């Protein structure tokens, strides 16, 4: 699953890629990844600390995060 972060009035977005749920890897019925506000907050902080500058110009930056948003 991929989530797009875009700050208001910003020029550059960040794409956060989450790993598929383990149920999908084992061939079990499709599950849906549940994300809470704390996980999204951790993802945004991790993207900023990894170098995402929302006010800069350029292509979207892609970040791969774990299920906890780190």
PDB file of N, CA and C in Angstrom:
ATOM      1  N   UNK A   1       0.853  -1.155   0.000  1.00  0.00           N
ATOM      2  CA  UNK A   1       0.000   0.000   0.000  1.00  0.00           C
ATOM      3  C   UNK A   1       0.905   1.225   0.000  1.00  0.00           C
ATOM      4  N   UNK A   2       0.504   2.250  -0.738  1.00  0.00           N
ATOM      5  CA  UNK A   2       1.260   3.484  -0.837  1.00  0.00           C
ATOM      6  C   UNK A   2       0.385   4.646  -0.409  1.00  0.00           C
ATOM      7  N   UNK A   3       0.971   5.540   0.389  1.00  0.00           N
ATOM      8  CA  UNK A   3       0.280   6.751   0.845  1.00  0.00           C
ATOM      9  C   UNK A   3       1.068   7.947   0.347  1.00  0.00           C
ATOM     10  N   UNK A   4       0.371   8.964  -0.090  1.00  0.00           N
ATOM     11  CA  UNK A   4       1.001  10.182  -0.576  1.00  0.00           C
ATOM     12  C   UNK A   4       0.863  11.276   0.482  1.00  0.00           C
ATOM     13  N   UNK A   5       1.999  11.897   0.854  1.00  0.00           N
ATOM     14  CA  UNK A   5       1.989  13.037   1.767  1.00  0.00           C
ATOM     15  C   UNK A   5       2.231  14.299   0.961  1.00  0.00           C
ATOM     16  N   UNK A   6       1.395  15.295   1.161  1.00  0.00           N
ATOM     17  CA  UNK A   6       1.569  16.575   0.485  1.00  0.00           C
ATOM     18  C   UNK A   6       1.182  17.673   1.454  1.00  0.00           C
ATOM     19  N   UNK A   7       2.140  18.534   1.767  1.00  0.00           N
ATOM     20  CA  UNK A   7       1.872  19.645   2.672  1.00  0.00           C
ATOM     21  C   UNK A   7       1.126  20.727   1.909  1.00  0.00           C
ATOM     22  N   UNK A   8       0.244  21.424   2.594  1.00  0.00           N
ATOM     23  CA  UNK A   8      -0.518  22.495   1.971  1.00  0.00           C
ATOM     24  C   UNK A   8       0.435  23.547   1.417  1.00  0.00           C
ATOM     25  N   UNK A   9       0.201  23.987   0.185  1.00  0.00           N
ATOM     26  CA  UNK A   9       1.015  24.979  -0.531  1.00  0.00           C
ATOM     27  C   UNK A   9       2.445  24.503  -0.790  1.00  0.00           C
ATOM     28  N   UNK A  10       2.694  23.213  -0.752  1.00  0.00           N
ATOM     29  CA  UNK A  10       4.026  22.673  -1.010  1.00  0.00           C
ATOM     30  C   UNK A  10       4.139  22.246  -2.469  1.00  0.00           C
ATOM     31  N   UNK A  11       5.378  22.042  -2.919  1.00  0.00           N
ATOM     32  CA  UNK A  11       5.620  21.676  -4.310  1.00  0.00           C
ATOM     33  C   UNK A  11       6.044  20.226  -4.482  1.00  0.00           C
ATOM     34  N   UNK A  12       6.472  19.585  -3.404  1.00  0.00           N
ATOM     35  CA  UNK A  12       7.007  18.229  -3.531  1.00  0.00           C
ATOM     36  C   UNK A  12       6.266  17.300  -2.573  1.00  0.00           C
ATOM     37  N   UNK A  13       5.932  16.138  -3.077  1.00  0.00           N
ATOM     38  CA  UNK A  13       5.217  15.168  -2.240  1.00  0.00           C
ATOM     39  C   UNK A  13       6.130  14.005  -1.881  1.00  0.00           C
ATOM     40  N   UNK A  14       5.718  13.278  -0.867  1.00  0.00           N
ATOM     41  CA  UNK A  14       6.441  12.080  -0.433  1.00  0.00           C
ATOM     42  C   UNK A  14       5.500  10.890  -0.580  1.00  0.00           C
ATOM     43  N   UNK A  15       6.009   9.812  -1.133  1.00  0.00           N
ATOM     44  CA  UNK A  15       5.244   8.579  -1.266  1.00  0.00           C
ATOM     45  C   UNK A  15       5.781   7.578  -0.261  1.00  0.00           C
ATOM     46  N   UNK A  16       4.909   7.086   0.604  1.00  0.00           N
ATOM     47  CA  UNK A  16       5.293   6.132   1.642  1.00  0.00           C
ATOM     48  C   UNK A  16       4.774   4.754   1.249  1.00  0.00           C
ATOM     49  N   UNK A  17       5.689   3.830   1.052  1.00  0.00           N
ATOM     50  CA  UNK A  17       5.317   2.473   0.656  1.00  0.00           C
ATOM     51  C   UNK A  17       5.385   1.554   1.860  1.00  0.00           C
ATOM     52  N   UNK A  18       4.277   0.911   2.162  1.00  0.00           N
ATOM     53  CA  UNK A  18       4.183  -0.037   3.262  1.00  0.00           C
ATOM     54  C   UNK A  18       4.301  -1.453   2.714  1.00  0.00           C
ATOM     55  N   UNK A  19       4.892  -2.365   3.487  1.00  0.00           N
ATOM     56  CA  UNK A  19       4.951  -3.765   3.030  1.00  0.00           C
ATOM     57  C   UNK A  19       3.548  -4.373   3.037  1.00  0.00           C
ATOM     58  N   UNK A  20       3.327  -5.387   2.203  1.00  0.00           N
ATOM     59  CA  UNK A  20       2.007  -6.035   2.223  1.00  0.00           C
ATOM     60  C   UNK A  20       1.796  -6.768   3.538  1.00  0.00           C
ATOM     61  N   UNK A  21       0.547  -6.858   3.992  1.00  0.00           N
ATOM     62  CA  UNK A  21       0.278  -7.620   5.216  1.00  0.00           C
ATOM     63  C   UNK A  21       0.711  -9.071   5.050  1.00  0.00           C
ATOM     64  N   UNK A  22       1.133  -9.696   6.131  1.00  0.00           N
ATOM     65  CA  UNK A  22       1.629 -11.070   6.064  1.00  0.00           C
ATOM     66  C   UNK A  22       0.575 -12.041   5.563  1.00  0.00           C
ATOM     67  N   UNK A  23      -0.695 -11.713   5.762  1.00  0.00           N
ATOM     68  CA  UNK A  23      -1.755 -12.599   5.273  1.00  0.00           C
ATOM     69  C   UNK A  23      -1.709 -12.713   3.758  1.00  0.00           C
ATOM     70  N   UNK A  24      -1.346 -11.621   3.079  1.00  0.00           N
ATOM     71  CA  UNK A  24      -1.275 -11.686   1.620  1.00  0.00           C
ATOM     72  C   UNK A  24      -0.085 -12.522   1.162  1.00  0.00           C
ATOM     73  N   UNK A  25       0.994 -12.509   1.936  1.00  0.00           N
ATOM     74  CA  UNK A  25       2.172 -13.269   1.542  1.00  0.00           C
ATOM     75  C   UNK A  25       1.960 -14.764   1.696  1.00  0.00           C
ATOM     76  N   UNK A  26       1.136 -15.178   2.643  1.00  0.00           N
ATOM     77  CA  UNK A  26       0.928 -16.597   2.905  1.00  0.00           C
ATOM     78  C   UNK A  26      -0.227 -17.193   2.101  1.00  0.00           C
ATOM     79  N   UNK A  27      -0.871 -16.386   1.274  1.00  0.00           N
ATOM     80  CA  UNK A  27      -1.949 -16.896   0.457  1.00  0.00           C
ATOM     81  C   UNK A  27      -3.287 -16.980   1.169  1.00  0.00           C
ATOM     82  N   UNK A  28      -3.399 -16.374   2.328  1.00  0.00           N
ATOM     83  CA  UNK A  28      -4.664 -16.356   3.053  1.00  0.00           C
ATOM     84  C   UNK A  28      -5.580 -15.279   2.459  1.00  0.00           C
ATOM     85  N   UNK A  29      -6.829 -15.213   2.901  1.00  0.00           N
ATOM     86  CA  UNK A  29      -7.731 -14.203   2.346  1.00  0.00           C
ATOM     87  C   UNK A  29      -7.159 -12.798   2.485  1.00  0.00           C
ATOM     88  N   UNK A  30      -7.526 -11.955   1.533  1.00  0.00           N
ATOM     89  CA  UNK A  30      -7.003 -10.596   1.494  1.00  0.00           C
ATOM     90  C   UNK A  30      -7.336  -9.844   2.769  1.00  0.00           C
ATOM     91  N   UNK A  31      -6.314  -9.209   3.324  1.00  0.00           N
ATOM     92  CA  UNK A  31      -6.499  -8.369   4.496  1.00  0.00           C
ATOM     93  C   UNK A  31      -6.219  -6.925   4.117  1.00  0.00           C
ATOM     94  N   UNK A  32      -6.642  -6.025   4.955  1.00  0.00           N
ATOM     95  CA  UNK A  32      -6.424  -4.616   4.684  1.00  0.00           C
ATOM     96  C   UNK A  32      -5.525  -4.057   5.769  1.00  0.00           C
ATOM     97  N   UNK A  33      -4.524  -3.309   5.369  1.00  0.00           N
ATOM     98  CA  UNK A  33      -3.598  -2.730   6.319  1.00  0.00           C
ATOM     99  C   UNK A  33      -4.295  -1.595   7.058  1.00  0.00           C
ATOM    100  N   UNK A  34      -4.303  -1.671   8.376  1.00  0.00           N
ATOM    101  CA  UNK A  34      -4.950  -0.657   9.203  1.00  0.00           C
ATOM    102  C   UNK A  34      -3.894   0.314   9.715  1.00  0.00           C
ATOM    103  N   UNK A  35      -4.077   1.602   9.451  1.00  0.00           N
ATOM    104  CA  UNK A  35      -3.141   2.628   9.889  1.00  0.00           C
ATOM    105  C   UNK A  35      -3.856   3.608  10.799  1.00  0.00           C
ATOM    106  N   UNK A  36      -3.230   3.916  11.927  1.00  0.00           N
ATOM    107  CA  UNK A  36      -3.813   4.901  12.833  1.00  0.00           C
ATOM    108  C   UNK A  36      -3.048   6.222  12.707  1.00  0.00           C
ATOM    109  N   UNK A  37      -3.511   7.238  13.416  1.00  0.00           N
ATOM    110  CA  UNK A  37      -2.900   8.563  13.325  1.00  0.00           C
ATOM    111  C   UNK A  37      -1.452   8.558  13.801  1.00  0.00           C
ATOM    112  N   UNK A  38      -1.159   7.785  14.826  1.00  0.00           N
ATOM    113  CA  UNK A  38       0.206   7.734  15.347  1.00  0.00           C
ATOM    114  C   UNK A  38       1.173   7.163  14.304  1.00  0.00           C
ATOM    115  N   UNK A  39       0.743   6.162  13.558  1.00  0.00           N
ATOM    116  CA  UNK A  39       1.593   5.573  12.522  1.00  0.00           C
ATOM    117  C   UNK A  39       1.857   6.578  11.407  1.00  0.00           C
ATOM    118  N   UNK A  40       0.838   7.305  10.989  1.00  0.00           N
ATOM    119  CA  UNK A  40       1.002   8.317   9.938  1.00  0.00           C
ATOM    120  C   UNK A  40       1.935   9.424  10.414  1.00  0.00           C
ATOM    121  N   UNK A  41       1.820   9.816  11.684  1.00  0.00           N
ATOM    122  CA  UNK A  41       2.699  10.845  12.241  1.00  0.00           C
ATOM    123  C   UNK A  41       4.148  10.373  12.236  1.00  0.00           C
ATOM    124  N   UNK A  42       4.375   9.105  12.639  1.00  0.00           N
ATOM    125  CA  UNK A  42       5.730   8.565  12.610  1.00  0.00           C
ATOM    126  C   UNK A  42       6.280   8.527  11.188  1.00  0.00           C
ATOM    127  N   UNK A  43       5.425   8.213  10.231  1.00  0.00           N
ATOM    128  CA  UNK A  43       5.851   8.172   8.826  1.00  0.00           C
ATOM    129  C   UNK A  43       6.282   9.557   8.345  1.00  0.00           C
ATOM    130  N   UNK A  44       5.492  10.576   8.667  1.00  0.00           N
ATOM    131  CA  UNK A  44       5.824  11.933   8.248  1.00  0.00           C
ATOM    132  C   UNK A  44       7.142  12.385   8.884  1.00  0.00           C
ATOM    133  N   UNK A  45       7.318  12.091  10.153  1.00  0.00           N
ATOM    134  CA  UNK A  45       8.573  12.468  10.830  1.00  0.00           C
ATOM    135  C   UNK A  45       9.764  11.719  10.234  1.00  0.00           C
ATOM    136  N   UNK A  46       9.574  10.445   9.919  1.00  0.00           N
ATOM    137  CA  UNK A  46      10.656   9.658   9.321  1.00  0.00           C
ATOM    138  C   UNK A  46      11.025  10.196   7.942  1.00  0.00           C
ATOM    139  N   UNK A  47      10.027  10.604   7.158  1.00  0.00           N
ATOM    140  CA  UNK A  47      10.296  11.146   5.818  1.00  0.00           C
ATOM    141  C   UNK A  47      11.066  12.464   5.921  1.00  0.00           C
ATOM    142  N   UNK A  48      10.686  13.314   6.862  1.00  0.00           N
ATOM    143  CA  UNK A  48      11.385  14.590   7.025  1.00  0.00           C
ATOM    144  C   UNK A  48      12.819  14.356   7.492  1.00  0.00           C
ATOM    145  N   UNK A  49      13.004  13.434   8.426  1.00  0.00           N
ATOM    146  CA  UNK A  49      14.364  13.162   8.901  1.00  0.00           C
ATOM    147  C   UNK A  49      15.220  12.480   7.831  1.00  0.00           C
ATOM    148  N   UNK A  50      14.589  11.824   6.868  1.00  0.00           N
ATOM    149  CA  UNK A  50      15.328  11.171   5.783  1.00  0.00           C
ATOM    150  C   UNK A  50      15.648  12.123   4.636  1.00  0.00           C
ATOM    151  N   UNK A  51      15.205  13.385   4.748  1.00  0.00           N
ATOM    152  CA  UNK A  51      15.587  14.355   3.727  1.00  0.00           C
ATOM    153  C   UNK A  51      14.466  14.925   2.887  1.00  0.00           C
ATOM    154  N   UNK A  52      13.217  14.597   3.180  1.00  0.00           N
ATOM    155  CA  UNK A  52      12.101  15.148   2.407  1.00  0.00           C
ATOM    156  C   UNK A  52      11.918  16.615   2.781  1.00  0.00           C
ATOM    157  N   UNK A  53      11.983  17.485   1.788  1.00  0.00           N
ATOM    158  CA  UNK A  53      11.754  18.909   1.974  1.00  0.00           C
ATOM    159  C   UNK A  53      10.532  19.290   1.142  1.00  0.00           C
ATOM    160  N   UNK A  54       9.372  19.444   1.780  1.00  0.00           N
ATOM    161  CA  UNK A  54       8.133  19.663   1.035  1.00  0.00           C
ATOM    162  C   UNK A  54       8.131  20.939   0.187  1.00  0.00           C
ATOM    163  N   UNK A  55       8.891  21.954   0.591  1.00  0.00           N
ATOM    164  CA  UNK A  55       8.866  23.219  -0.147  1.00  0.00           C
ATOM    165  C   UNK A  55       9.854  23.246  -1.306  1.00  0.00           C
ATOM    166  N   UNK A  56      10.688  22.216  -1.447  1.00  0.00           N
ATOM    167  CA  UNK A  56      11.615  22.174  -2.575  1.00  0.00           C
ATOM    168  C   UNK A  56      10.896  21.669  -3.822  1.00  0.00           C
ATOM    169  N   UNK A  57      11.499  21.921  -4.959  1.00  0.00           N
ATOM    170  CA  UNK A  57      10.909  21.458  -6.220  1.00  0.00           C
ATOM    171  C   UNK A  57      11.528  20.129  -6.607  1.00  0.00           C
ATOM    172  N   UNK A  58      10.829  19.394  -7.456  1.00  0.00           N
ATOM    173  CA  UNK A  58      11.376  18.136  -7.957  1.00  0.00           C
ATOM    174  C   UNK A  58      10.350  17.018  -7.953  1.00  0.00           C
ATOM    175  N   UNK A  59      10.837  15.839  -8.309  1.00  0.00           N
ATOM    176  CA  UNK A  59       9.987  14.655  -8.343  1.00  0.00           C
ATOM    177  C   UNK A  59       9.581  14.249  -6.924  1.00  0.00           C
ATOM    178  N   UNK A  60       8.492  13.506  -6.814  1.00  0.00           N
ATOM    179  CA  UNK A  60       8.119  12.980  -5.495  1.00  0.00           C
ATOM    180  C   UNK A  60       9.209  12.043  -4.967  1.00  0.00           C
ATOM    181  N   UNK A  61       9.420  12.101  -3.676  1.00  0.00           N
ATOM    182  CA  UNK A  61      10.399  11.202  -3.046  1.00  0.00           C
ATOM    183  C   UNK A  61       9.663   9.961  -2.559  1.00  0.00           C
ATOM    184  N   UNK A  62      10.270   8.806  -2.749  1.00  0.00           N
ATOM    185  CA  UNK A  62       9.664   7.537  -2.366  1.00  0.00           C
ATOM    186  C   UNK A  62      10.417   6.973  -1.166  1.00  0.00           C
ATOM    187  N   UNK A  63       9.668   6.620  -0.114  1.00  0.00           N
ATOM    188  CA  UNK A  63      10.233   6.044   1.100  1.00  0.00           C
ATOM    189  C   UNK A  63       9.554   4.711   1.364  1.00  0.00           C
ATOM    190  N   UNK A  64      10.332   3.705   1.710  1.00  0.00           N
ATOM    191  CA  UNK A  64       9.789   2.413   2.119  1.00  0.00           C
ATOM    192  C   UNK A  64       9.834   2.353   3.634  1.00  0.00           C
ATOM    193  N   UNK A  65       8.683   2.142   4.252  1.00  0.00           N
ATOM    194  CA  UNK A  65       8.597   2.100   5.711  1.00  0.00           C
ATOM    195  C   UNK A  65       8.119   0.720   6.146  1.00  0.00           C
ATOM    196  N   UNK A  66       8.317   0.411   7.424  1.00  0.00           N
ATOM    197  CA  UNK A  66       7.827  -0.858   7.940  1.00  0.00           C
ATOM    198  C   UNK A  66       6.376  -0.684   8.406  1.00  0.00           C
ATOM    199  N   UNK A  67       5.804  -1.719   8.936  1.00  0.00           N
ATOM    200  CA  UNK A  67       4.389  -1.689   9.335  1.00  0.00           C
ATOM    201  C   UNK A  67       4.122  -0.697  10.460  1.00  0.00           C
ATOM    202  N   UNK A  68       5.174  -0.348  11.246  1.00  0.00           N
ATOM    203  CA  UNK A  68       5.002   0.609  12.338  1.00  0.00           C
ATOM    204  C   UNK A  68       5.241   2.039  11.891  1.00  0.00           C
ATOM    205  N   UNK A  69       5.663   2.247  10.656  1.00  0.00           N
ATOM    206  CA  UNK A  69       5.878   3.591  10.144  1.00  0.00           C
ATOM    207  C   UNK A  69       7.280   4.117  10.332  1.00  0.00           C
ATOM    208  N   UNK A  70       8.229   3.256  10.614  1.00  0.00           N
ATOM    209  CA  UNK A  70       9.619   3.698  10.800  1.00  0.00           C
ATOM    210  C   UNK A  70      10.406   3.522   9.522  1.00  0.00           C
TER     211      UNK A  70
END
